[in-house]
Amino acid sequence: MTTPLPDHVGAFIAYWRANGDVTTICPADRIRGKIPSGMDSGYFILVAKAGGGNEEPYVPYYRPRLDVKFYGPTEYEATRLFRTAHPTVVPQDRRRLGFVAADCYVAETKLVGGPFDLVDPDLHWAHVLVTYEALVLQYPVSAL
């Protein structure tokens, strides 16, 4: 029987929802996988699986990629949200910064694309797009 890989997208969502600096700007219920229909503009952090990376297990870790969009009511506010959330998962010095959230251990996160200041073509909302590559333990923390 194969153990399913932990939910690394859910781990990032849970981690940022629990971070007081991030939720001071963006309410926790607006940190999610997609924008629900009928929502007004404002602050959002959207986390989704991205292509590329190494989904093949590299025992005991794997390296998935994630696309993250940091939305704000203006370009400035979207950038401010990115600059608040980004250092919580990517070290700004040589130390290693990992975290445990949603039964998933993320040992390391690297910025591999962006930041790109964009405007959503459908919603016309300003956002910052980045791509992260994470080093994730392939077993749920509860199984250890």
Protein backbone atom coordinates (compact mmCIF):
# COMPACT_ATOMS: atom_id res chain seq x y z
CA MET A 1 0.00 0.00 0.00
CA THR A 2 1.36 3.40 -1.00
CA THR A 3 1.03 6.30 1.43
CA PRO A 4 -0.32 9.42 -0.30
CA LEU A 5 1.98 12.42 -0.28
CA PRO A 6 1.12 15.12 2.26
CA ASP A 7 -0.89 18.14 1.10
CA HIS A 8 1.83 20.75 0.62
CA VAL A 9 -0.64 23.30 -0.78
CA GLY A 10 -2.76 22.92 2.36
CA ALA A 11 0.36 23.28 4.48
CA PHE A 12 1.18 26.70 3.00
CA ILE A 13 -2.43 27.83 3.39
CA ALA A 14 -2.57 26.67 7.03
CA TYR A 15 0.83 28.18 7.83
CA TRP A 16 -0.06 31.63 6.49
CA ARG A 17 -3.52 31.49 8.14
CA ALA A 18 -1.77 30.95 11.48
CA ASN A 19 0.73 33.80 10.96
CA GLY A 20 -0.33 36.98 12.74
CA ASP A 21 1.72 39.31 10.53
CA VAL A 22 0.07 37.93 7.40
CA THR A 23 -3.48 37.84 8.77
CA THR A 24 -3.16 41.43 9.98
CA ILE A 25 -3.22 42.38 6.28
CA CYS A 26 -5.14 39.48 4.71
CA PRO A 27 -7.98 37.80 6.66
CA ALA A 28 -7.38 34.08 7.22
CA ASP A 29 -10.52 33.07 5.31
CA ARG A 30 -9.07 34.79 2.21
CA ILE A 31 -5.96 32.58 2.20
CA ARG A 32 -7.12 29.68 0.06
CA GLY A 33 -6.83 27.70 -3.14
CA LYS A 34 -9.13 29.84 -5.28
CA ILE A 35 -11.34 32.92 -5.09
CA PRO A 36 -14.97 32.00 -4.47
CA SER A 37 -17.41 33.47 -6.99
CA GLY A 38 -19.08 36.70 -6.01
CA MET A 39 -16.22 37.97 -3.83
CA ASP A 40 -15.30 41.63 -3.89
CA SER A 41 -11.75 42.80 -4.50
CA GLY A 42 -9.38 43.10 -1.63
CA TYR A 43 -6.69 40.98 -0.09
CA PHE A 44 -6.27 37.33 -1.04
CA ILE A 45 -3.46 34.79 -1.06
CA LEU A 46 -4.11 31.99 -3.55
CA VAL A 47 -1.93 28.88 -3.44
CA ALA A 48 -1.97 26.27 -6.22
CA LYS A 49 0.16 23.40 -7.49
CA ALA A 50 2.47 24.45 -10.31
CA GLY A 51 4.05 22.48 -13.09
CA GLY A 52 7.66 21.41 -13.01
CA GLY A 53 9.58 20.58 -9.89
CA ASN A 54 10.29 17.04 -8.85
CA GLU A 55 7.10 15.24 -7.87
CA GLU A 56 9.05 11.97 -7.88
CA PRO A 57 9.90 10.99 -4.34
CA TYR A 58 13.50 11.67 -3.38
CA VAL A 59 13.47 9.64 -0.22
CA PRO A 60 12.41 10.85 2.19
CA TYR A 61 11.57 14.19 0.49
CA TYR A 62 10.02 15.46 -2.73
CA ARG A 63 10.23 18.89 -4.40
CA PRO A 64 6.87 20.20 -5.60
CA ARG A 65 6.36 23.68 -7.05
CA LEU A 66 3.61 26.09 -6.07
CA ASP A 67 2.23 29.20 -7.73
CA VAL A 68 1.15 31.82 -5.24
CA LYS A 69 -0.79 34.98 -6.05
CA PHE A 70 -0.85 37.82 -3.53
CA TYR A 71 -3.84 40.07 -4.29
CA GLY A 72 -4.40 43.57 -2.97
CA PRO A 73 -6.75 46.47 -3.72
CA THR A 74 -3.81 48.30 -5.36
CA GLU A 75 -0.44 47.24 -6.76
CA TYR A 76 1.22 48.74 -3.69
CA GLU A 77 -0.97 46.71 -1.31
CA ALA A 78 -0.44 43.48 -3.28
CA THR A 79 3.32 44.04 -3.05
CA ARG A 80 3.06 44.83 0.67
CA LEU A 81 1.20 41.54 1.26
CA PHE A 82 3.86 39.63 -0.70
CA ARG A 83 6.66 41.35 1.24
CA THR A 84 4.98 40.39 4.51
CA ALA A 85 4.24 36.73 3.68
CA HIS A 86 7.35 35.87 1.64
CA PRO A 87 9.95 36.09 4.45
CA THR A 88 7.86 33.76 6.62
CA VAL A 89 8.60 30.84 4.26
CA VAL A 90 11.83 31.83 2.49
CA PRO A 91 14.86 32.62 4.67
CA GLN A 92 16.32 36.08 4.22
CA ASP A 93 19.73 34.98 5.49
CA ARG A 94 21.68 31.73 5.36
CA ARG A 95 19.65 29.93 8.01
CA ARG A 96 17.27 27.17 7.04
CA LEU A 97 13.61 27.95 7.61
CA GLY A 98 11.10 25.10 7.68
CA PHE A 99 7.66 24.65 9.17
CA VAL A 100 5.02 22.09 10.06
CA ALA A 101 1.39 22.75 9.15
CA ALA A 102 -1.58 20.61 8.12
CA ASP A 103 0.31 17.41 9.07
CA CYS A 104 3.04 18.28 6.53
CA TYR A 105 6.70 19.12 7.14
CA VAL A 106 8.10 21.68 4.70
CA ALA A 107 11.85 21.61 5.28
CA GLU A 108 12.78 24.41 2.89
CA THR A 109 11.22 26.82 0.40
CA LYS A 110 12.97 28.55 -2.51
CA LEU A 111 11.73 31.31 -4.76
CA VAL A 112 12.13 30.05 -8.34
CA GLY A 113 9.98 32.53 -10.26
CA GLY A 114 8.98 36.15 -9.74
CA PRO A 115 7.91 38.29 -8.13
CA PHE A 116 5.86 39.59 -11.05
CA ASP A 117 3.49 42.54 -10.58
CA LEU A 118 0.38 41.75 -12.65
CA VAL A 119 -3.28 42.60 -13.08
CA ASP A 120 -5.71 39.68 -13.31
CA PRO A 121 -7.19 39.77 -16.84
CA ASP A 122 -10.63 38.55 -15.74
CA LEU A 123 -11.07 40.28 -12.39
CA HIS A 124 -8.86 43.34 -13.04
CA TRP A 125 -7.32 42.99 -9.58
CA ALA A 126 -3.66 43.78 -8.88
CA HIS A 127 -1.55 40.85 -7.69
CA VAL A 128 2.00 39.62 -7.30
CA LEU A 129 2.73 36.19 -8.78
CA VAL A 130 5.57 34.01 -7.49
CA THR A 131 6.57 30.38 -7.91
CA TYR A 132 8.09 28.51 -4.99
CA GLU A 133 9.83 25.15 -4.89
CA ALA A 134 9.48 23.38 -1.55
CA LEU A 135 11.37 20.50 -0.02
CA VAL A 136 8.61 18.43 1.60
CA LEU A 137 8.80 15.28 3.72
CA GLN A 138 6.93 12.58 1.81
CA TYR A 139 5.28 11.21 4.96
CA PRO A 140 2.62 12.91 7.10
CA VAL A 141 4.02 14.21 10.38
CA SER A 142 1.43 12.13 12.28
CA ALA A 143 2.95 8.94 10.79
CA LEU A 144 6.36 9.61 12.35
